[in-house]
C-alpha atoms as a PDB file:
ATOM      1  CA  UNK A   1     -29.153  24.100 -17.832  1.00  0.00           C
ATOM      2  CA  UNK A   2     -27.769  23.140 -21.252  1.00  0.00           C
ATOM      3  CA  UNK A   3     -28.406  19.842 -23.014  1.00  0.00           C
ATOM      4  CA  UNK A   4     -25.688  17.442 -22.149  1.00  0.00           C
ATOM      5  CA  UNK A   5     -23.768  15.506 -24.714  1.00  0.00           C
ATOM      6  CA  UNK A   6     -24.803  11.858 -25.365  1.00  0.00           C
ATOM      7  CA  UNK A   7     -24.105   9.856 -23.564  1.00  0.00           C
ATOM      8  CA  UNK A   8     -25.098  11.834 -20.842  1.00  0.00           C
ATOM      9  CA  UNK A   9     -28.969  12.583 -20.177  1.00  0.00           C
ATOM     10  CA  UNK A  10     -30.594  15.059 -18.137  1.00  0.00           C
ATOM     11  CA  UNK A  11     -34.090  15.815 -16.990  1.00  0.00           C
ATOM     12  CA  UNK A  12     -35.928  18.473 -19.819  1.00  0.00           C
ATOM     13  CA  UNK A  13     -36.113  21.995 -18.060  1.00  0.00           C
ATOM     14  CA  UNK A  14     -37.682  25.329 -18.921  1.00  0.00           C
ATOM     15  CA  UNK A  15     -34.217  26.945 -19.518  1.00  0.00           C
ATOM     16  CA  UNK A  16     -33.493  24.192 -22.355  1.00  0.00           C
ATOM     17  CA  UNK A  17     -36.070  25.699 -24.515  1.00  0.00           C
ATOM     18  CA  UNK A  18     -34.358  27.433 -27.084  1.00  0.00           C
ATOM     19  CA  UNK A  19     -31.566  24.866 -27.492  1.00  0.00           C
ATOM     20  CA  UNK A  20     -34.042  21.902 -28.001  1.00  0.00           C
ATOM     21  CA  UNK A  21     -36.431  24.011 -30.581  1.00  0.00           C
ATOM     22  CA  UNK A  22     -33.235  24.749 -32.591  1.00  0.00           C
ATOM     23  CA  UNK A  23     -33.905  20.882 -33.234  1.00  0.00           C
ATOM     24  CA  UNK A  24     -37.536  20.499 -33.190  1.00  0.00           C
ATOM     25  CA  UNK A  25     -38.194  23.419 -35.298  1.00  0.00           C
ATOM     26  CA  UNK A  26     -36.508  21.327 -38.059  1.00  0.00           C
ATOM     27  CA  UNK A  27     -39.145  18.769 -38.010  1.00  0.00           C
ATOM     28  CA  UNK A  28     -41.825  20.056 -41.047  1.00  0.00           C
ATOM     29  CA  UNK A  29     -44.528  17.253 -39.761  1.00  0.00           C
ATOM     30  CA  UNK A  30     -46.117  18.993 -37.046  1.00  0.00           C
ATOM     31  CA  UNK A  31     -46.112  16.260 -34.974  1.00  0.00           C
ATOM     32  CA  UNK A  32     -47.893  16.995 -31.402  1.00  0.00           C
ATOM     33  CA  UNK A  33     -45.567  15.352 -28.966  1.00  0.00           C
ATOM     34  CA  UNK A  34     -42.606  17.026 -30.785  1.00  0.00           C
ATOM     35  CA  UNK A  35     -42.868  20.315 -29.357  1.00  0.00           C
ATOM     36  CA  UNK A  36     -41.112  21.784 -26.625  1.00  0.00           C
ATOM     37  CA  UNK A  37     -44.115  22.600 -24.239  1.00  0.00           C
ATOM     38  CA  UNK A  38     -45.563  19.302 -24.500  1.00  0.00           C
ATOM     39  CA  UNK A  39     -42.644  17.628 -23.795  1.00  0.00           C
ATOM     40  CA  UNK A  40     -41.768  19.803 -21.082  1.00  0.00           C
ATOM     41  CA  UNK A  41     -45.443  19.839 -19.578  1.00  0.00           C
ATOM     42  CA  UNK A  42     -45.428  16.085 -19.636  1.00  0.00           C
ATOM     43  CA  UNK A  43     -41.853  15.083 -18.766  1.00  0.00           C
ATOM     44  CA  UNK A  44     -43.157  13.474 -15.584  1.00  0.00           C
ATOM     45  CA  UNK A  45     -45.614  11.344 -16.894  1.00  0.00           C
ATOM     46  CA  UNK A  46     -43.118   9.732 -19.391  1.00  0.00           C
ATOM     47  CA  UNK A  47     -39.842  10.675 -17.147  1.00  0.00           C
ATOM     48  CA  UNK A  48     -38.198  12.298 -20.042  1.00  0.00           C
ATOM     49  CA  UNK A  49     -34.775  12.786 -20.244  1.00  0.00           C
ATOM     50  CA  UNK A  50     -32.732  14.639 -23.136  1.00  0.00           C
ATOM     51  CA  UNK A  51     -29.497  14.578 -24.791  1.00  0.00           C
ATOM     52  CA  UNK A  52     -27.845  15.592 -27.976  1.00  0.00           C
ATOM     53  CA  UNK A  53     -25.223  14.789 -30.666  1.00  0.00           C
ATOM     54  CA  UNK A  54     -23.641  17.161 -33.276  1.00  0.00           C
ATOM     55  CA  UNK A  55     -26.658  16.165 -35.812  1.00  0.00           C
ATOM     56  CA  UNK A  56     -29.216  14.412 -33.222  1.00  0.00           C
ATOM     57  CA  UNK A  57     -31.448  15.192 -30.443  1.00  0.00           C
ATOM     58  CA  UNK A  58     -32.364  12.096 -28.191  1.00  0.00           C
ATOM     59  CA  UNK A  59     -34.968  11.803 -25.807  1.00  0.00           C
ATOM     60  CA  UNK A  60     -35.612   8.974 -23.467  1.00  0.00           C
ATOM     61  CA  UNK A  61     -38.495   8.032 -21.444  1.00  0.00           C
ATOM     62  CA  UNK A  62     -40.770   5.173 -19.908  1.00  0.00           C
ATOM     63  CA  UNK A  63     -44.316   4.482 -19.824  1.00  0.00           C
ATOM     64  CA  UNK A  64     -46.405   1.825 -17.696  1.00  0.00           C
ATOM     65  CA  UNK A  65     -42.706   0.370 -17.158  1.00  0.00           C
ATOM     66  CA  UNK A  66     -41.548   0.415 -20.761  1.00  0.00           C
ATOM     67  CA  UNK A  67     -38.869   2.293 -21.782  1.00  0.00           C
ATOM     68  CA  UNK A  68     -38.314   4.003 -25.211  1.00  0.00           C
ATOM     69  CA  UNK A  69     -36.675   6.833 -27.233  1.00  0.00           C
ATOM     70  CA  UNK A  70     -37.319   9.716 -29.512  1.00  0.00           C
ATOM     71  CA  UNK A  71     -35.000  10.875 -32.023  1.00  0.00           C
ATOM     72  CA  UNK A  72     -37.453  14.142 -33.385  1.00  0.00           C
ATOM     73  CA  UNK A  73     -35.286  15.101 -36.158  1.00  0.00           C
ATOM     74  CA  UNK A  74     -32.093  15.146 -38.434  1.00  0.00           C
ATOM     75  CA  UNK A  75     -29.448  12.553 -39.148  1.00  0.00           C
ATOM     76  CA  UNK A  76     -28.976   8.901 -37.746  1.00  0.00           C
ATOM     77  CA  UNK A  77     -26.095   7.686 -36.295  1.00  0.00           C
ATOM     78  CA  UNK A  78     -25.902   3.676 -36.625  1.00  0.00           C
ATOM     79  CA  UNK A  79     -23.645   3.058 -33.894  1.00  0.00           C
ATOM     80  CA  UNK A  80     -25.671   5.420 -31.157  1.00  0.00           C
ATOM     81  CA  UNK A  81     -28.727   3.740 -32.580  1.00  0.00           C
ATOM     82  CA  UNK A  82     -27.888   0.391 -32.088  1.00  0.00           C
ATOM     83  CA  UNK A  83     -26.773   1.122 -28.164  1.00  0.00           C
ATOM     84  CA  UNK A  84     -30.143   3.136 -27.923  1.00  0.00           C
ATOM     85  CA  UNK A  85     -32.227   0.007 -29.429  1.00  0.00           C
ATOM     86  CA  UNK A  86     -30.092  -2.530 -27.281  1.00  0.00           C
ATOM     87  CA  UNK A  87     -31.129  -0.340 -24.050  1.00  0.00           C
ATOM     88  CA  UNK A  88     -34.596   1.188 -24.742  1.00  0.00           C
ATOM     89  CA  UNK A  89     -36.080  -1.474 -27.406  1.00  0.00           C
ATOM     90  CA  UNK A  90     -38.928   1.168 -28.781  1.00  0.00           C
ATOM     91  CA  UNK A  91     -37.980   3.403 -31.016  1.00  0.00           C
ATOM     92  CA  UNK A  92     -41.270   5.652 -30.741  1.00  0.00           C
ATOM     93  CA  UNK A  93     -42.813   8.942 -32.397  1.00  0.00           C
ATOM     94  CA  UNK A  94     -40.820   8.397 -35.896  1.00  0.00           C
ATOM     95  CA  UNK A  95     -41.961  10.933 -38.478  1.00  0.00           C
ATOM     96  CA  UNK A  96     -42.296  10.187 -42.328  1.00  0.00           C
ATOM     97  CA  UNK A  97     -40.274  13.052 -42.784  1.00  0.00           C
ATOM     98  CA  UNK A  98     -37.495  11.663 -40.684  1.00  0.00           C
ATOM     99  CA  UNK A  99     -37.630   8.297 -42.246  1.00  0.00           C
ATOM    100  CA  UNK A 100     -37.520   9.737 -45.780  1.00  0.00           C
ATOM    101  CA  UNK A 101     -34.105  11.961 -44.947  1.00  0.00           C
ATOM    102  CA  UNK A 102     -32.284   9.045 -43.818  1.00  0.00           C
ATOM    103  CA  UNK A 103     -33.728   6.354 -46.483  1.00  0.00           C
ATOM    104  CA  UNK A 104     -30.143   5.387 -47.269  1.00  0.00           C
ATOM    105  CA  UNK A 105     -29.068   5.051 -43.683  1.00  0.00           C
ATOM    106  CA  UNK A 106     -32.157   2.654 -42.896  1.00  0.00           C
ATOM    107  CA  UNK A 107     -30.915   0.774 -46.039  1.00  0.00           C
ATOM    108  CA  UNK A 108     -28.049  -0.219 -44.142  1.00  0.00           C
ATOM    109  CA  UNK A 109     -27.561  -3.725 -42.871  1.00  0.00           C
ATOM    110  CA  UNK A 110     -28.344  -3.244 -39.228  1.00  0.00           C
ATOM    111  CA  UNK A 111     -31.223  -0.832 -39.809  1.00  0.00           C
ATOM    112  CA  UNK A 112     -32.620  -2.688 -42.946  1.00  0.00           C
ATOM    113  CA  UNK A 113     -33.405  -5.840 -40.481  1.00  0.00           C
ATOM    114  CA  UNK A 114     -35.582  -3.605 -38.277  1.00  0.00           C
ATOM    115  CA  UNK A 115     -39.641  -3.263 -38.934  1.00  0.00           C
ATOM    116  CA  UNK A 116     -40.924   0.068 -39.140  1.00  0.00           C
ATOM    117  CA  UNK A 117     -44.832  -0.214 -38.157  1.00  0.00           C
ATOM    118  CA  UNK A 118     -47.317   2.375 -38.387  1.00  0.00           C
ATOM    119  CA  UNK A 119     -48.482   3.607 -35.060  1.00  0.00           C
ATOM    120  CA  UNK A 120     -52.184   4.558 -36.030  1.00  0.00           C
ATOM    121  CA  UNK A 121     -53.491   4.856 -32.268  1.00  0.00           C
ATOM    122  CA  UNK A 122     -51.308   7.565 -32.252  1.00  0.00           C
ATOM    123  CA  UNK A 123     -51.913   9.223 -35.573  1.00  0.00           C
ATOM    124  CA  UNK A 124     -52.500  13.340 -34.898  1.00  0.00           C
ATOM    125  CA  UNK A 125     -56.211  14.494 -36.309  1.00  0.00           C
ATOM    126  CA  UNK A 126     -55.735  17.591 -38.215  1.00  0.00           C
ATOM    127  CA  UNK A 127     -58.640  19.731 -39.084  1.00  0.00           C
ATOM    128  CA  UNK A 128     -59.413  23.102 -41.082  1.00  0.00           C
ATOM    129  CA  UNK A 129     -59.810  25.920 -38.464  1.00  0.00           C
ATOM    130  CA  UNK A 130     -62.580  27.144 -40.364  1.00  0.00           C
ATOM    131  CA  UNK A 131     -64.658  24.107 -40.533  1.00  0.00           C
ATOM    132  CA  UNK A 132     -64.807  23.918 -36.777  1.00  0.00           C
ATOM    133  CA  UNK A 133     -65.485  27.541 -36.362  1.00  0.00           C
ATOM    134  CA  UNK A 134     -68.385  27.639 -38.835  1.00  0.00           C
ATOM    135  CA  UNK A 135     -69.860  24.124 -38.796  1.00  0.00           C
ATOM    136  CA  UNK A 136     -71.149  24.626 -42.331  1.00  0.00           C
ATOM    137  CA  UNK A 137     -72.687  22.031 -44.377  1.00  0.00           C
ATOM    138  CA  UNK A 138     -74.750  18.793 -44.102  1.00  0.00           C
ATOM    139  CA  UNK A 139     -71.359  16.990 -42.252  1.00  0.00           C
ATOM    140  CA  UNK A 140     -71.421  19.326 -39.601  1.00  0.00           C
ATOM    141  CA  UNK A 141     -75.516  19.843 -39.197  1.00  0.00           C
ATOM    142  CA  UNK A 142     -75.791  17.509 -35.841  1.00  0.00           C
ATOM    143  CA  UNK A 143     -72.245  19.572 -34.849  1.00  0.00           C
ATOM    144  CA  UNK A 144     -74.305  22.898 -35.206  1.00  0.00           C
ATOM    145  CA  UNK A 145     -77.538  21.710 -33.460  1.00  0.00           C
ATOM    146  CA  UNK A 146     -75.351  20.722 -30.341  1.00  0.00           C
ATOM    147  CA  UNK A 147     -73.832  24.583 -30.343  1.00  0.00           C
ATOM    148  CA  UNK A 148     -77.326  26.384 -31.080  1.00  0.00           C
ATOM    149  CA  UNK A 149     -79.233  23.815 -28.344  1.00  0.00           C
ATOM    150  CA  UNK A 150     -76.245  24.801 -25.747  1.00  0.00           C
ATOM    151  CA  UNK A 151     -76.448  28.558 -26.274  1.00  0.00           C
ATOM    152  CA  UNK A 152     -80.126  28.261 -25.818  1.00  0.00           C
ATOM    153  CA  UNK A 153     -80.201  26.166 -22.812  1.00  0.00           C
ATOM    154  CA  UNK A 154     -77.832  28.694 -21.068  1.00  0.00           C
ATOM    155  CA  UNK A 155     -78.026  32.509 -20.634  1.00  0.00           C
ATOM    156  CA  UNK A 156     -75.009  34.690 -20.048  1.00  0.00           C
ATOM    157  CA  UNK A 157     -72.519  32.766 -22.341  1.00  0.00           C
ATOM    158  CA  UNK A 158     -69.295  34.775 -22.186  1.00  0.00           C
ATOM    159  CA  UNK A 159     -65.825  33.861 -23.561  1.00  0.00           C
ATOM    160  CA  UNK A 160     -62.813  35.463 -22.359  1.00  0.00           C
ATOM    161  CA  UNK A 161     -59.144  34.962 -23.327  1.00  0.00           C
ATOM    162  CA  UNK A 162     -56.952  33.013 -20.899  1.00  0.00           C
ATOM    163  CA  UNK A 163     -54.963  35.371 -18.952  1.00  0.00           C
ATOM    164  CA  UNK A 164     -53.328  35.945 -15.324  1.00  0.00           C
ATOM    165  CA  UNK A 165     -56.255  37.693 -14.433  1.00  0.00           C
ATOM    166  CA  UNK A 166     -58.861  34.721 -15.050  1.00  0.00           C
ATOM    167  CA  UNK A 167     -56.257  31.649 -14.755  1.00  0.00           C
ATOM    168  CA  UNK A 168     -57.474  30.826 -11.139  1.00  0.00           C
ATOM    169  CA  UNK A 169     -61.067  30.244 -12.732  1.00  0.00           C
ATOM    170  CA  UNK A 170     -59.444  27.932 -15.230  1.00  0.00           C
ATOM    171  CA  UNK A 171     -57.708  26.174 -12.171  1.00  0.00           C
ATOM    172  CA  UNK A 172     -61.239  25.898 -10.339  1.00  0.00           C
ATOM    173  CA  UNK A 173     -62.482  24.133 -13.542  1.00  0.00           C
ATOM    174  CA  UNK A 174     -59.570  21.836 -13.468  1.00  0.00           C
ATOM    175  CA  UNK A 175     -59.827  20.613 -10.064  1.00  0.00           C
ATOM    176  CA  UNK A 176     -63.848  20.252 -10.238  1.00  0.00           C
ATOM    177  CA  UNK A 177     -62.913  18.023 -13.422  1.00  0.00           C
ATOM    178  CA  UNK A 178     -59.988  15.970 -11.882  1.00  0.00           C
ATOM    179  CA  UNK A 179     -62.574  15.151  -8.962  1.00  0.00           C
ATOM    180  CA  UNK A 180     -64.994  13.404 -10.933  1.00  0.00           C
ATOM    181  CA  UNK A 181     -62.953  11.443 -13.448  1.00  0.00           C
ATOM    182  CA  UNK A 182     -62.855   7.834 -12.927  1.00  0.00           C
ATOM    183  CA  UNK A 183     -59.486   6.747 -13.300  1.00  0.00           C
ATOM    184  CA  UNK A 184     -57.396   7.854 -10.231  1.00  0.00           C
ATOM    185  CA  UNK A 185     -53.977   6.413 -11.612  1.00  0.00           C
ATOM    186  CA  UNK A 186     -51.849   9.615 -11.957  1.00  0.00           C
ATOM    187  CA  UNK A 187     -49.389   7.978 -14.879  1.00  0.00           C
ATOM    188  CA  UNK A 188     -53.234   8.170 -16.991  1.00  0.00           C
ATOM    189  CA  UNK A 189     -53.912  11.533 -16.252  1.00  0.00           C
ATOM    190  CA  UNK A 190     -53.241  14.763 -17.657  1.00  0.00           C
ATOM    191  CA  UNK A 191     -54.034  16.900 -14.386  1.00  0.00           C
ATOM    192  CA  UNK A 192     -50.735  17.584 -13.166  1.00  0.00           C
ATOM    193  CA  UNK A 193     -49.435  18.402 -16.730  1.00  0.00           C
ATOM    194  CA  UNK A 194     -52.341  20.950 -17.082  1.00  0.00           C
ATOM    195  CA  UNK A 195     -52.178  22.599 -13.666  1.00  0.00           C
ATOM    196  CA  UNK A 196     -48.351  23.381 -14.587  1.00  0.00           C
ATOM    197  CA  UNK A 197     -49.386  24.652 -17.660  1.00  0.00           C
ATOM    198  CA  UNK A 198     -51.587  27.506 -16.250  1.00  0.00           C
ATOM    199  CA  UNK A 199     -49.009  28.300 -13.557  1.00  0.00           C
ATOM    200  CA  UNK A 200     -46.397  29.026 -16.073  1.00  0.00           C
ATOM    201  CA  UNK A 201     -48.950  30.803 -18.838  1.00  0.00           C
ATOM    202  CA  UNK A 202     -47.175  34.007 -18.479  1.00  0.00           C
ATOM    203  CA  UNK A 203     -43.768  32.538 -18.990  1.00  0.00           C
ATOM    204  CA  UNK A 204     -44.935  30.788 -22.709  1.00  0.00           C
ATOM    205  CA  UNK A 205     -46.761  31.845 -25.823  1.00  0.00           C
ATOM    206  CA  UNK A 206     -49.852  29.521 -25.568  1.00  0.00           C
ATOM    207  CA  UNK A 207     -53.028  30.650 -26.308  1.00  0.00           C
ATOM    208  CA  UNK A 208     -56.307  29.693 -24.617  1.00  0.00           C
ATOM    209  CA  UNK A 209     -59.683  31.032 -23.880  1.00  0.00           C
ATOM    210  CA  UNK A 210     -62.159  30.642 -20.908  1.00  0.00           C
ATOM    211  CA  UNK A 211     -66.113  29.786 -21.199  1.00  0.00           C
ATOM    212  CA  UNK A 212     -68.269  31.439 -18.571  1.00  0.00           C
ATOM    213  CA  UNK A 213     -72.001  30.676 -17.888  1.00  0.00           C
ATOM    214  CA  UNK A 214     -73.904  32.863 -15.666  1.00  0.00           C
ATOM    215  CA  UNK A 215     -70.028  34.347 -14.469  1.00  0.00           C
ATOM    216  CA  UNK A 216     -69.532  30.619 -13.710  1.00  0.00           C
ATOM    217  CA  UNK A 217     -66.251  29.309 -15.335  1.00  0.00           C
ATOM    218  CA  UNK A 218     -67.144  26.039 -17.350  1.00  0.00           C
ATOM    219  CA  UNK A 219     -64.630  25.065 -19.521  1.00  0.00           C
ATOM    220  CA  UNK A 220     -61.415  26.283 -20.802  1.00  0.00           C
ATOM    221  CA  UNK A 221     -58.586  25.081 -23.588  1.00  0.00           C
ATOM    222  CA  UNK A 222     -55.118  25.886 -23.751  1.00  0.00           C
ATOM    223  CA  UNK A 223     -53.007  25.411 -27.294  1.00  0.00           C
ATOM    224  CA  UNK A 224     -49.477  25.981 -28.734  1.00  0.00           C
ATOM    225  CA  UNK A 225     -49.072  27.773 -31.983  1.00  0.00           C
ATOM    226  CA  UNK A 226     -46.870  25.835 -34.213  1.00  0.00           C
ATOM    227  CA  UNK A 227     -45.696  25.249 -37.567  1.00  0.00           C
ATOM    228  CA  UNK A 228     -44.788  28.778 -38.621  1.00  0.00           C
ATOM    229  CA  UNK A 229     -48.143  30.198 -36.899  1.00  0.00           C
ATOM    230  CA  UNK A 230     -50.308  27.868 -38.803  1.00  0.00           C
ATOM    231  CA  UNK A 231     -51.383  25.854 -36.638  1.00  0.00           C
ATOM    232  CA  UNK A 232     -52.904  25.355 -33.178  1.00  0.00           C
ATOM    233  CA  UNK A 233     -51.841  22.039 -31.335  1.00  0.00           C
ATOM    234  CA  UNK A 234     -54.589  21.604 -28.659  1.00  0.00           C
ATOM    235  CA  UNK A 235     -52.605  20.890 -25.308  1.00  0.00           C
ATOM    236  CA  UNK A 236     -55.311  20.728 -23.126  1.00  0.00           C
ATOM    237  CA  UNK A 237     -59.281  21.389 -23.202  1.00  0.00           C
ATOM    238  CA  UNK A 238     -61.262  21.085 -20.088  1.00  0.00           C
ATOM    239  CA  UNK A 239     -64.950  21.197 -19.130  1.00  0.00           C
ATOM    240  CA  UNK A 240     -67.730  20.430 -16.944  1.00  0.00           C
ATOM    241  CA  UNK A 241     -69.682  17.512 -17.615  1.00  0.00           C
ATOM    242  CA  UNK A 242     -72.668  19.170 -15.586  1.00  0.00           C
ATOM    243  CA  UNK A 243     -72.953  21.893 -18.403  1.00  0.00           C
ATOM    244  CA  UNK A 244     -74.065  19.708 -21.126  1.00  0.00           C
ATOM    245  CA  UNK A 245     -72.540  20.365 -24.768  1.00  0.00           C
ATOM    246  CA  UNK A 246     -69.620  22.471 -22.526  1.00  0.00           C
ATOM    247  CA  UNK A 247     -66.965  20.075 -24.505  1.00  0.00           C
ATOM    248  CA  UNK A 248     -68.237  20.755 -28.051  1.00  0.00           C
ATOM    249  CA  UNK A 249     -69.167  24.495 -27.286  1.00  0.00           C
ATOM    250  CA  UNK A 250     -65.475  25.027 -26.017  1.00  0.00           C
ATOM    251  CA  UNK A 251     -63.805  23.554 -28.900  1.00  0.00           C
ATOM    252  CA  UNK A 252     -66.175  25.423 -31.359  1.00  0.00           C
ATOM    253  CA  UNK A 253     -65.326  28.869 -29.564  1.00  0.00           C
ATOM    254  CA  UNK A 254     -61.720  28.309 -29.612  1.00  0.00           C
ATOM    255  CA  UNK A 255     -61.740  27.809 -33.416  1.00  0.00           C
ATOM    256  CA  UNK A 256     -63.980  31.218 -34.114  1.00  0.00           C
ATOM    257  CA  UNK A 257     -61.714  32.962 -31.467  1.00  0.00           C
ATOM    258  CA  UNK A 258     -58.156  31.789 -33.155  1.00  0.00           C
ATOM    259  CA  UNK A 259     -56.974  34.453 -35.948  1.00  0.00           C
ATOM    260  CA  UNK A 260     -57.527  33.839 -39.417  1.00  0.00           C
ATOM    261  CA  UNK A 261     -53.957  33.140 -40.143  1.00  0.00           C
ATOM    262  CA  UNK A 262     -54.114  29.952 -38.530  1.00  0.00           C
ATOM    263  CA  UNK A 263     -55.444  27.505 -40.876  1.00  0.00           C
ATOM    264  CA  UNK A 264     -55.399  24.228 -39.038  1.00  0.00           C
ATOM    265  CA  UNK A 265     -56.192  22.732 -35.601  1.00  0.00           C
ATOM    266  CA  UNK A 266     -54.016  19.569 -34.459  1.00  0.00           C
ATOM    267  CA  UNK A 267     -56.184  17.802 -31.710  1.00  0.00           C
ATOM    268  CA  UNK A 268     -53.709  15.167 -31.427  1.00  0.00           C
ATOM    269  CA  UNK A 269     -54.115  11.165 -31.166  1.00  0.00           C
ATOM    270  CA  UNK A 270     -56.796   8.848 -30.249  1.00  0.00           C
ATOM    271  CA  UNK A 271     -54.549   6.378 -28.053  1.00  0.00           C
ATOM    272  CA  UNK A 272     -56.475   3.496 -29.643  1.00  0.00           C
ATOM    273  CA  UNK A 273     -59.477   4.399 -27.752  1.00  0.00           C
ATOM    274  CA  UNK A 274     -62.284   3.588 -30.098  1.00  0.00           C
ATOM    275  CA  UNK A 275     -65.007   5.889 -28.911  1.00  0.00           C
ATOM    276  CA  UNK A 276     -62.724   8.840 -29.022  1.00  0.00           C
ATOM    277  CA  UNK A 277     -61.853   7.698 -32.512  1.00  0.00           C
ATOM    278  CA  UNK A 278     -65.481   7.863 -33.555  1.00  0.00           C
ATOM    279  CA  UNK A 279     -65.727  11.218 -31.771  1.00  0.00           C
ATOM    280  CA  UNK A 280     -62.613  12.747 -33.503  1.00  0.00           C
ATOM    281  CA  UNK A 281     -63.733  11.374 -37.057  1.00  0.00           C
ATOM    282  CA  UNK A 282     -67.219  12.997 -36.701  1.00  0.00           C
ATOM    283  CA  UNK A 283     -65.594  16.475 -36.831  1.00  0.00           C
ATOM    284  CA  UNK A 284     -64.003  15.421 -40.374  1.00  0.00           C
ATOM    285  CA  UNK A 285     -60.376  15.666 -40.051  1.00  0.00           C
ATOM    286  CA  UNK A 286     -58.627  16.950 -43.343  1.00  0.00           C
ATOM    287  CA  UNK A 287     -55.744  14.832 -42.690  1.00  0.00           C
ATOM    288  CA  UNK A 288     -53.797  12.564 -40.033  1.00  0.00           C
ATOM    289  CA  UNK A 289     -50.039  13.524 -39.291  1.00  0.00           C
ATOM    290  CA  UNK A 290     -48.628   9.904 -39.329  1.00  0.00           C
ATOM    291  CA  UNK A 291     -46.381   8.435 -36.702  1.00  0.00           C
ATOM    292  CA  UNK A 292     -44.239   5.337 -36.725  1.00  0.00           C
ATOM    293  CA  UNK A 293     -41.892   2.979 -34.254  1.00  0.00           C
ATOM    294  CA  UNK A 294     -39.642   0.306 -34.454  1.00  0.00           C
ATOM    295  CA  UNK A 295     -39.958  -2.588 -31.772  1.00  0.00           C
ATOM    296  CA  UNK A 296     -36.514  -4.115 -31.464  1.00  0.00           C
END
């Protein structure tokens, strides 16, 4: 199915990938949400639908009863923007490059009145792959100690590429992880998205690994490679808490597994969770990918 012309919208489907990437790959910022696979896999969580104009890709969505729209790249159409703001209220995931490229438009009377806010809870955390793979120096001393402890605590640790041959093992980890999480609200979970990612693994270019201890699967991770093959965006990372240190180990192992030409790892946002924010900061991000929003 092709992307319909505005004002018609359609749900995102796999066969829209090349058409959507025509727009998405023109965005230089590297925002984690604005890749085709991220949008596709989370289309149910956020009720995404898509349309296009000659110069603009428009995505609408809804989360916790509140509607919003996204314009990943290109040129603002003032009249369409007025219509979208009147109907959907929130203009989300605005990139710095989008704002910079449309400076003249945002200085027009209608748009000039809008308040552009930094959306700190959704800033992406970007790390040097080499830092996470080596954990060298005093900044990473505690992290390296945790890795050493994991390797001493468990025998027969094995890392394998995540493929069709072992994808059922990854699903087993996912099911066990899902059975132990406290929040049962599917709207707050990436379980369904992760399960679908594993199910369509062979039809995509996602890259991942699976961690075994004593031949039992205990963790896996899956990423999308973006930014001219320079960045790995972590889409999913699941581990069994019963294996202490498994989350830290899969993070470390995947950074070491990735090819050296991949310079950066984008570990997405903290969503305003203070504990998650502190944990992400301990890995010493080299930069944030800032995102902005406009609330009408």
